[in-house]
Amino acid sequence: GIPVPAMSAALSFYDGYRSASLPANLLQAQRD
């Protein structure tokens, strides 16, 4: 229960940047 907002944001960014596919396809479907 120890907050690490910067460390975890960095890891999430890293995992997002290295992902060839992200769930933004669903986001685009929702917007449409």
Full PDB file with SEQRES, HELIX, SHEET, SSBOND, CRYST1, ORIGX, SCALE, CONECT and MASTER records, all heavy atoms in Angstrom:
SEQRES   1 A   32  GLY ILE PRO VAL PRO ALA MET SER ALA ALA LEU SER PHE          
SEQRES   2 A   32  TYR ASP GLY TYR ARG SER ALA SER LEU PRO ALA ASN LEU          
SEQRES   3 A   32  LEU GLN ALA GLN ARG ASP                                      
HELIX    1 AA1 PRO A    5  TYR A   17  1                                  13    
HELIX    2 AA2 ALA A   24  ARG A   31  1                                   8    
CRYST1    1.000    1.000    1.000  90.00  90.00  90.00 P 1           1          
ORIGX1      1.000000  0.000000  0.000000        0.00000                         
ORIGX2      0.000000  1.000000  0.000000        0.00000                         
ORIGX3      0.000000  0.000000  1.000000        0.00000                         
SCALE1      1.000000  0.000000  0.000000        0.00000                         
SCALE2      0.000000  1.000000  0.000000        0.00000                         
SCALE3      0.000000  0.000000  1.000000        0.00000                         
ATOM      1  N   GLY A   1       0.801  -1.220   0.000  1.00  0.00           N  
ATOM      2  CA  GLY A   1       0.000   0.000   0.000  1.00  0.00           C  
ATOM      3  C   GLY A   1       0.830   1.265   0.000  1.00  0.00           C  
ATOM      4  O   GLY A   1       0.420   2.293   0.530  1.00  0.00           O  
ATOM      5  N   ILE A   2       2.015   1.202  -0.605  1.00  0.00           N  
ATOM      6  CA  ILE A   2       2.912   2.352  -0.674  1.00  0.00           C  
ATOM      7  C   ILE A   2       2.767   2.999  -2.047  1.00  0.00           C  
ATOM      8  O   ILE A   2       2.991   2.335  -3.065  1.00  0.00           O  
ATOM      9  CB  ILE A   2       4.374   1.933  -0.430  1.00  0.00           C  
ATOM     10  CG1 ILE A   2       4.517   1.372   0.987  1.00  0.00           C  
ATOM     11  CG2 ILE A   2       5.330   3.106  -0.643  1.00  0.00           C  
ATOM     12  CD1 ILE A   2       5.879   0.742   1.260  1.00  0.00           C  
ATOM     13  N   PRO A   3       2.386   4.276  -2.124  1.00  0.00           N  
ATOM     14  CA  PRO A   3       2.196   4.915  -3.438  1.00  0.00           C  
ATOM     15  C   PRO A   3       3.517   5.143  -4.154  1.00  0.00           C  
ATOM     16  O   PRO A   3       4.464   5.676  -3.573  1.00  0.00           O  
ATOM     17  CB  PRO A   3       1.516   6.243  -3.087  1.00  0.00           C  
ATOM     18  CG  PRO A   3       1.968   6.545  -1.686  1.00  0.00           C  
ATOM     19  CD  PRO A   3       2.101   5.198  -1.009  1.00  0.00           C  
ATOM     20  N   VAL A   4       3.563   4.724  -5.404  1.00  0.00           N  
ATOM     21  CA  VAL A   4       4.735   4.970  -6.259  1.00  0.00           C  
ATOM     22  C   VAL A   4       4.235   5.480  -7.618  1.00  0.00           C  
ATOM     23  O   VAL A   4       4.429   4.822  -8.647  1.00  0.00           O  
ATOM     24  CB  VAL A   4       5.625   3.715  -6.407  1.00  0.00           C  
ATOM     25  CG1 VAL A   4       6.429   3.448  -5.152  1.00  0.00           C  
ATOM     26  CG2 VAL A   4       4.786   2.481  -6.768  1.00  0.00           C  
ATOM     27  N   PRO A   5       3.602   6.641  -7.653  1.00  0.00           N  
ATOM     28  CA  PRO A   5       2.973   7.109  -8.891  1.00  0.00           C  
ATOM     29  C   PRO A   5       3.945   7.319 -10.041  1.00  0.00           C  
ATOM     30  O   PRO A   5       3.619   7.021 -11.191  1.00  0.00           O  
ATOM     31  CB  PRO A   5       2.307   8.421  -8.477  1.00  0.00           C  
ATOM     32  CG  PRO A   5       3.041   8.868  -7.244  1.00  0.00           C  
ATOM     33  CD  PRO A   5       3.404   7.593  -6.549  1.00  0.00           C  
ATOM     34  N   ALA A   6       5.142   7.819  -9.761  1.00  0.00           N  
ATOM     35  CA  ALA A   6       6.090   8.094 -10.846  1.00  0.00           C  
ATOM     36  C   ALA A   6       6.726   6.809 -11.361  1.00  0.00           C  
ATOM     37  O   ALA A   6       6.850   6.601 -12.570  1.00  0.00           O  
ATOM     38  CB  ALA A   6       7.157   9.080 -10.382  1.00  0.00           C  
ATOM     39  N   MET A   7       7.150   5.928 -10.449  1.00  0.00           N  
ATOM     40  CA  MET A   7       7.744   4.665 -10.885  1.00  0.00           C  
ATOM     41  C   MET A   7       6.751   3.836 -11.704  1.00  0.00           C  
ATOM     42  O   MET A   7       7.109   3.240 -12.727  1.00  0.00           O  
ATOM     43  CB  MET A   7       8.197   3.842  -9.683  1.00  0.00           C  
ATOM     44  CG  MET A   7       9.498   4.289  -9.055  1.00  0.00           C  
ATOM     45  SD  MET A   7       9.977   3.152  -7.737  1.00  0.00           S  
ATOM     46  CE  MET A   7      11.465   3.995  -7.124  1.00  0.00           C  
ATOM     47  N   SER A   8       5.501   3.773 -11.231  1.00  0.00           N  
ATOM     48  CA  SER A   8       4.516   2.955 -11.933  1.00  0.00           C  
ATOM     49  C   SER A   8       4.082   3.610 -13.239  1.00  0.00           C  
ATOM     50  O   SER A   8       3.834   2.914 -14.236  1.00  0.00           O  
ATOM     51  CB  SER A   8       3.307   2.682 -11.034  1.00  0.00           C  
ATOM     52  OG  SER A   8       2.734   3.880 -10.554  1.00  0.00           O  
ATOM     53  N   ALA A   9       4.009   4.950 -13.269  1.00  0.00           N  
ATOM     54  CA  ALA A   9       3.695   5.629 -14.529  1.00  0.00           C  
ATOM     55  C   ALA A   9       4.787   5.367 -15.558  1.00  0.00           C  
ATOM     56  O   ALA A   9       4.507   5.203 -16.752  1.00  0.00           O  
ATOM     57  CB  ALA A   9       3.538   7.129 -14.293  1.00  0.00           C  
ATOM     58  N   ALA A  10       6.031   5.334 -15.104  1.00  0.00           N  
ATOM     59  CA  ALA A  10       7.145   5.065 -16.017  1.00  0.00           C  
ATOM     60  C   ALA A  10       7.031   3.667 -16.604  1.00  0.00           C  
ATOM     61  O   ALA A  10       7.232   3.458 -17.811  1.00  0.00           O  
ATOM     62  CB  ALA A  10       8.469   5.225 -15.280  1.00  0.00           C  
ATOM     63  N   LEU A  11       6.695   2.684 -15.762  1.00  0.00           N  
ATOM     64  CA  LEU A  11       6.576   1.314 -16.252  1.00  0.00           C  
ATOM     65  C   LEU A  11       5.384   1.172 -17.203  1.00  0.00           C  
ATOM     66  O   LEU A  11       5.481   0.503 -18.237  1.00  0.00           O  
ATOM     67  CB  LEU A  11       6.427   0.347 -15.082  1.00  0.00           C  
ATOM     68  CG  LEU A  11       6.331  -1.137 -15.453  1.00  0.00           C  
ATOM     69  CD1 LEU A  11       7.544  -1.587 -16.263  1.00  0.00           C  
ATOM     70  CD2 LEU A  11       6.172  -1.998 -14.204  1.00  0.00           C  
ATOM     71  N   SER A  12       4.274   1.826 -16.884  1.00  0.00           N  
ATOM     72  CA  SER A  12       3.112   1.775 -17.773  1.00  0.00           C  
ATOM     73  C   SER A  12       3.434   2.407 -19.127  1.00  0.00           C  
ATOM     74  O   SER A  12       3.025   1.899 -20.175  1.00  0.00           O  
ATOM     75  CB  SER A  12       1.917   2.485 -17.130  1.00  0.00           C  
ATOM     76  OG  SER A  12       1.442   1.767 -16.020  1.00  0.00           O  
ATOM     77  N   PHE A  13       4.173   3.502 -19.103  1.00  0.00           N  
ATOM     78  CA  PHE A  13       4.576   4.129 -20.362  1.00  0.00           C  
ATOM     79  C   PHE A  13       5.476   3.194 -21.161  1.00  0.00           C  
ATOM     80  O   PHE A  13       5.294   3.024 -22.376  1.00  0.00           O  
ATOM     81  CB  PHE A  13       5.299   5.444 -20.090  1.00  0.00           C  
ATOM     82  CG  PHE A  13       5.880   6.079 -21.325  1.00  0.00           C  
ATOM     83  CD1 PHE A  13       5.088   6.833 -22.171  1.00  0.00           C  
ATOM     84  CD2 PHE A  13       7.214   5.897 -21.656  1.00  0.00           C  
ATOM     85  CE1 PHE A  13       5.613   7.391 -23.333  1.00  0.00           C  
ATOM     86  CE2 PHE A  13       7.752   6.453 -22.807  1.00  0.00           C  
ATOM     87  CZ  PHE A  13       6.940   7.207 -23.640  1.00  0.00           C  
ATOM     88  N   TYR A  14       6.441   2.586 -20.481  1.00  0.00           N  
ATOM     89  CA  TYR A  14       7.355   1.662 -21.150  1.00  0.00           C  
ATOM     90  C   TYR A  14       6.579   0.506 -21.793  1.00  0.00           C  
ATOM     91  O   TYR A  14       6.793   0.166 -22.969  1.00  0.00           O  
ATOM     92  CB  TYR A  14       8.374   1.116 -20.143  1.00  0.00           C  
ATOM     93  CG  TYR A  14       9.282   0.046 -20.697  1.00  0.00           C  
ATOM     94  CD1 TYR A  14      10.360   0.370 -21.505  1.00  0.00           C  
ATOM     95  CD2 TYR A  14       9.052  -1.297 -20.403  1.00  0.00           C  
ATOM     96  CE1 TYR A  14      11.191  -0.619 -22.022  1.00  0.00           C  
ATOM     97  CE2 TYR A  14       9.875  -2.288 -20.910  1.00  0.00           C  
ATOM     98  CZ  TYR A  14      10.939  -1.947 -21.725  1.00  0.00           C  
ATOM     99  OH  TYR A  14      11.756  -2.931 -22.233  1.00  0.00           O  
ATOM    100  N   ASP A  15       5.658  -0.074 -21.023  1.00  0.00           N  
ATOM    101  CA  ASP A  15       4.886  -1.192 -21.565  1.00  0.00           C  
ATOM    102  C   ASP A  15       3.978  -0.729 -22.706  1.00  0.00           C  
ATOM    103  O   ASP A  15       3.752  -1.479 -23.665  1.00  0.00           O  
ATOM    104  CB  ASP A  15       4.052  -1.839 -20.453  1.00  0.00           C  
ATOM    105  CG  ASP A  15       4.893  -2.726 -19.535  1.00  0.00           C  
ATOM    106  OD1 ASP A  15       5.985  -3.156 -19.965  1.00  0.00           O  
ATOM    107  OD2 ASP A  15       4.468  -2.980 -18.394  1.00  0.00           O  
ATOM    108  N   GLY A  16       3.451   0.479 -22.614  1.00  0.00           N  
ATOM    109  CA  GLY A  16       2.633   0.997 -23.707  1.00  0.00           C  
ATOM    110  C   GLY A  16       3.444   1.285 -24.947  1.00  0.00           C  
ATOM    111  O   GLY A  16       3.036   0.960 -26.069  1.00  0.00           O  
ATOM    112  N   TYR A  17       4.629   1.874 -24.763  1.00  0.00           N  
ATOM    113  CA  TYR A  17       5.466   2.244 -25.907  1.00  0.00           C  
ATOM    114  C   TYR A  17       5.975   1.020 -26.656  1.00  0.00           C  
ATOM    115  O   TYR A  17       6.128   1.048 -27.887  1.00  0.00           O  
ATOM    116  CB  TYR A  17       6.638   3.104 -25.428  1.00  0.00           C  
ATOM    117  CG  TYR A  17       7.421   3.753 -26.549  1.00  0.00           C  
ATOM    118  CD1 TYR A  17       6.949   4.899 -27.175  1.00  0.00           C  
ATOM    119  CD2 TYR A  17       8.629   3.210 -26.977  1.00  0.00           C  
ATOM    120  CE1 TYR A  17       7.666   5.502 -28.206  1.00  0.00           C  
ATOM    121  CE2 TYR A  17       9.354   3.804 -27.996  1.00  0.00           C  
ATOM    122  CZ  TYR A  17       8.870   4.945 -28.612  1.00  0.00           C  
ATOM    123  OH  TYR A  17       9.579   5.536 -29.638  1.00  0.00           O  
ATOM    124  N   ARG A  18       6.207  -0.058 -25.917  1.00  0.00           N  
ATOM    125  CA  ARG A  18       6.743  -1.267 -26.562  1.00  0.00           C  
ATOM    126  C   ARG A  18       5.632  -2.172 -27.101  1.00  0.00           C  
ATOM    127  O   ARG A  18       5.913  -3.255 -27.636  1.00  0.00           O  
ATOM    128  CB  ARG A  18       7.616  -2.056 -25.590  1.00  0.00           C  
ATOM    129  CG  ARG A  18       6.850  -2.700 -24.468  1.00  0.00           C  
ATOM    130  CD  ARG A  18       7.720  -3.542 -23.539  1.00  0.00           C  
ATOM    131  NE  ARG A  18       6.894  -4.219 -22.550  1.00  0.00           N  
ATOM    132  CZ  ARG A  18       6.247  -5.353 -22.786  1.00  0.00           C  
ATOM    133  NH1 ARG A  18       6.345  -5.943 -23.955  1.00  0.00           N  
ATOM    134  NH2 ARG A  18       5.499  -5.897 -21.839  1.00  0.00           N  
ATOM    135  N   SER A  19       4.358  -1.758 -26.954  1.00  0.00           N  
ATOM    136  CA  SER A  19       3.237  -2.588 -27.406  1.00  0.00           C  
ATOM    137  C   SER A  19       2.860  -2.253 -28.844  1.00  0.00           C  
ATOM    138  O   SER A  19       2.512  -1.103 -29.152  1.00  0.00           O  
ATOM    139  CB  SER A  19       2.019  -2.381 -26.499  1.00  0.00           C  
ATOM    140  OG  SER A  19       2.286  -2.807 -25.179  1.00  0.00           O  
ATOM    141  N   ALA A  20       2.886  -3.259 -29.713  1.00  0.00           N  
ATOM    142  CA  ALA A  20       2.454  -3.042 -31.091  1.00  0.00           C  
ATOM    143  C   ALA A  20       0.944  -2.844 -31.172  1.00  0.00           C  
ATOM    144  O   ALA A  20       0.440  -2.213 -32.105  1.00  0.00           O  
ATOM    145  CB  ALA A  20       2.869  -4.233 -31.958  1.00  0.00           C  
ATOM    146  N   SER A  21       0.218  -3.371 -30.182  1.00  0.00           N  
ATOM    147  CA  SER A  21      -1.240  -3.218 -30.148  1.00  0.00           C  
ATOM    148  C   SER A  21      -1.664  -2.712 -28.779  1.00  0.00           C  
ATOM    149  O   SER A  21      -1.204  -3.219 -27.747  1.00  0.00           O  
ATOM    150  CB  SER A  21      -1.935  -4.553 -30.430  1.00  0.00           C  
ATOM    151  OG  SER A  21      -1.653  -5.011 -31.741  1.00  0.00           O  
ATOM    152  N   LEU A  22      -2.556  -1.722 -28.784  1.00  0.00           N  
ATOM    153  CA  LEU A  22      -3.132  -1.168 -27.560  1.00  0.00           C  
ATOM    154  C   LEU A  22      -4.652  -1.190 -27.684  1.00  0.00           C  
ATOM    155  O   LEU A  22      -5.190  -1.264 -28.798  1.00  0.00           O  
ATOM    156  CB  LEU A  22      -2.626   0.258 -27.330  1.00  0.00           C  
ATOM    157  CG  LEU A  22      -1.154   0.421 -26.957  1.00  0.00           C  
ATOM    158  CD1 LEU A  22      -0.747   1.887 -26.971  1.00  0.00           C  
ATOM    159  CD2 LEU A  22      -0.868  -0.194 -25.584  1.00  0.00           C  
ATOM    160  N   PRO A  23      -5.387  -1.095 -26.588  1.00  0.00           N  
ATOM    161  CA  PRO A  23      -6.848  -1.176 -26.650  1.00  0.00           C  
ATOM    162  C   PRO A  23      -7.529   0.084 -27.164  1.00  0.00           C  
ATOM    163  O   PRO A  23      -8.735   0.254 -26.978  1.00  0.00           O  
ATOM    164  CB  PRO A  23      -7.242  -1.457 -25.193  1.00  0.00           C  
ATOM    165  CG  PRO A  23      -6.155  -0.833 -24.391  1.00  0.00           C  
ATOM    166  CD  PRO A  23      -4.899  -1.061 -25.189  1.00  0.00           C  
ATOM    167  N   ALA A  24      -6.788   0.948 -27.836  1.00  0.00           N  
ATOM    168  CA  ALA A  24      -7.388   2.161 -28.389  1.00  0.00           C  
ATOM    169  C   ALA A  24      -8.374   1.853 -29.509  1.00  0.00           C  
ATOM    170  O   ALA A  24      -9.174   2.719 -29.889  1.00  0.00           O  
ATOM    171  CB  ALA A  24      -6.304   3.113 -28.892  1.00  0.00           C  
ATOM    172  N   ASN A  25      -8.338   0.622 -30.043  1.00  0.00           N  
ATOM    173  CA  ASN A  25      -9.346   0.254 -31.042  1.00  0.00           C  
ATOM    174  C   ASN A  25     -10.742   0.292 -30.425  1.00  0.00           C  
ATOM    175  O   ASN A  25     -11.701   0.775 -31.048  1.00  0.00           O  
ATOM    176  CB  ASN A  25      -9.041  -1.122 -31.647  1.00  0.00           C  
ATOM    177  CG  ASN A  25      -8.916  -2.222 -30.607  1.00  0.00           C  
ATOM    178  OD1 ASN A  25      -8.602  -1.958 -29.446  1.00  0.00           O  
ATOM    179  ND2 ASN A  25      -9.152  -3.468 -31.007  1.00  0.00           N  
ATOM    180  N   LEU A  26     -10.876  -0.194 -29.182  1.00  0.00           N  
ATOM    181  CA  LEU A  26     -12.162  -0.129 -28.494  1.00  0.00           C  
ATOM    182  C   LEU A  26     -12.554   1.317 -28.203  1.00  0.00           C  
ATOM    183  O   LEU A  26     -13.721   1.707 -28.345  1.00  0.00           O  
ATOM    184  CB  LEU A  26     -12.109  -0.942 -27.199  1.00  0.00           C  
ATOM    185  CG  LEU A  26     -13.369  -0.898 -26.321  1.00  0.00           C  
ATOM    186  CD1 LEU A  26     -14.593  -1.370 -27.099  1.00  0.00           C  
ATOM    187  CD2 LEU A  26     -13.167  -1.730 -25.056  1.00  0.00           C  
ATOM    188  N   LEU A  27     -11.555   2.110 -27.825  1.00  0.00           N  
ATOM    189  CA  LEU A  27     -11.822   3.526 -27.558  1.00  0.00           C  
ATOM    190  C   LEU A  27     -12.385   4.219 -28.804  1.00  0.00           C  
ATOM    191  O   LEU A  27     -13.338   4.996 -28.741  1.00  0.00           O  
ATOM    192  CB  LEU A  27     -10.536   4.202 -27.081  1.00  0.00           C  
ATOM    193  CG  LEU A  27     -10.636   5.611 -26.514  1.00  0.00           C  
ATOM    194  CD1 LEU A  27      -9.561   5.827 -25.464  1.00  0.00           C  
ATOM    195  CD2 LEU A  27     -10.500   6.667 -27.598  1.00  0.00           C  
ATOM    196  N   GLN A  28     -11.780   3.923 -29.961  1.00  0.00           N  
ATOM    197  CA  GLN A  28     -12.253   4.514 -31.207  1.00  0.00           C  
ATOM    198  C   GLN A  28     -13.666   4.048 -31.554  1.00  0.00           C  
ATOM    199  O   GLN A  28     -14.484   4.817 -32.068  1.00  0.00           O  
ATOM    200  CB  GLN A  28     -11.290   4.187 -32.350  1.00  0.00           C  
ATOM    201  CG  GLN A  28     -10.004   4.994 -32.337  1.00  0.00           C  
ATOM    202  CD  GLN A  28     -10.261   6.483 -32.449  1.00  0.00           C  
ATOM    203  OE1 GLN A  28     -10.352   7.194 -31.450  1.00  0.00           O  
ATOM    204  NE2 GLN A  28     -10.413   6.968 -33.685  1.00  0.00           N  
ATOM    205  N   ALA A  29     -13.952   2.763 -31.265  1.00  0.00           N  
ATOM    206  CA  ALA A  29     -15.305   2.263 -31.494  1.00  0.00           C  
ATOM    207  C   ALA A  29     -16.307   2.983 -30.596  1.00  0.00           C  
ATOM    208  O   ALA A  29     -17.416   3.342 -31.033  1.00  0.00           O  
ATOM    209  CB  ALA A  29     -15.351   0.757 -31.248  1.00  0.00           C  
ATOM    210  N   GLN A  30     -15.937   3.213 -29.344  1.00  0.00           N  
ATOM    211  CA  GLN A  30     -16.812   3.947 -28.425  1.00  0.00           C  
ATOM    212  C   GLN A  30     -17.076   5.364 -28.929  1.00  0.00           C  
ATOM    213  O   GLN A  30     -18.222   5.846 -28.919  1.00  0.00           O  
ATOM    214  CB  GLN A  30     -16.175   3.992 -27.028  1.00  0.00           C  
ATOM    215  CG  GLN A  30     -16.106   2.638 -26.331  1.00  0.00           C  
ATOM    216  CD  GLN A  30     -15.238   2.686 -25.085  1.00  0.00           C  
ATOM    217  OE1 GLN A  30     -14.321   3.513 -24.979  1.00  0.00           O  
ATOM    218  NE2 GLN A  30     -15.510   1.786 -24.145  1.00  0.00           N  
ATOM    219  N   ARG A  31     -16.014   6.034 -29.384  1.00  0.00           N  
ATOM    220  CA  ARG A  31     -16.170   7.401 -29.892  1.00  0.00           C  
ATOM    221  C   ARG A  31     -17.079   7.431 -31.120  1.00  0.00           C  
ATOM    222  O   ARG A  31     -17.901   8.331 -31.289  1.00  0.00           O  
ATOM    223  CB  ARG A  31     -14.792   7.998 -30.239  1.00  0.00           C  
ATOM    224  CG  ARG A  31     -13.885   8.198 -29.042  1.00  0.00           C  
ATOM    225  CD  ARG A  31     -12.530   8.787 -29.454  1.00  0.00           C  
ATOM    226  NE  ARG A  31     -12.662  10.166 -29.886  1.00  0.00           N  
ATOM    227  CZ  ARG A  31     -12.391  10.607 -31.104  1.00  0.00           C  
ATOM    228  NH1 ARG A  31     -11.986   9.756 -32.048  1.00  0.00           N  
ATOM    229  NH2 ARG A  31     -12.530  11.878 -31.407  1.00  0.00           N  
ATOM    230  N   ASP A  32     -16.919   6.427 -31.955  1.00  0.00           N  
ATOM    231  CA  ASP A  32     -17.754   6.386 -33.156  1.00  0.00           C  
ATOM    232  C   ASP A  32     -19.205   6.067 -32.806  1.00  0.00           C  
ATOM    233  O   ASP A  32     -20.133   6.601 -33.422  1.00  0.00           O  
ATOM    234  CB  ASP A  32     -17.199   5.336 -34.120  1.00  0.00           C  
ATOM    235  CG  ASP A  32     -17.872   5.402 -35.487  1.00  0.00           C  
ATOM    236  OD1 ASP A  32     -17.888   6.502 -36.078  1.00  0.00           O  
ATOM    237  OD2 ASP A  32     -18.371   4.368 -35.947  1.00  0.00           O  
TER     238      ASP A  32                                                      
MASTER        0    0    0    2    0    0    0    6  237    1    0    3          
END                                                                             
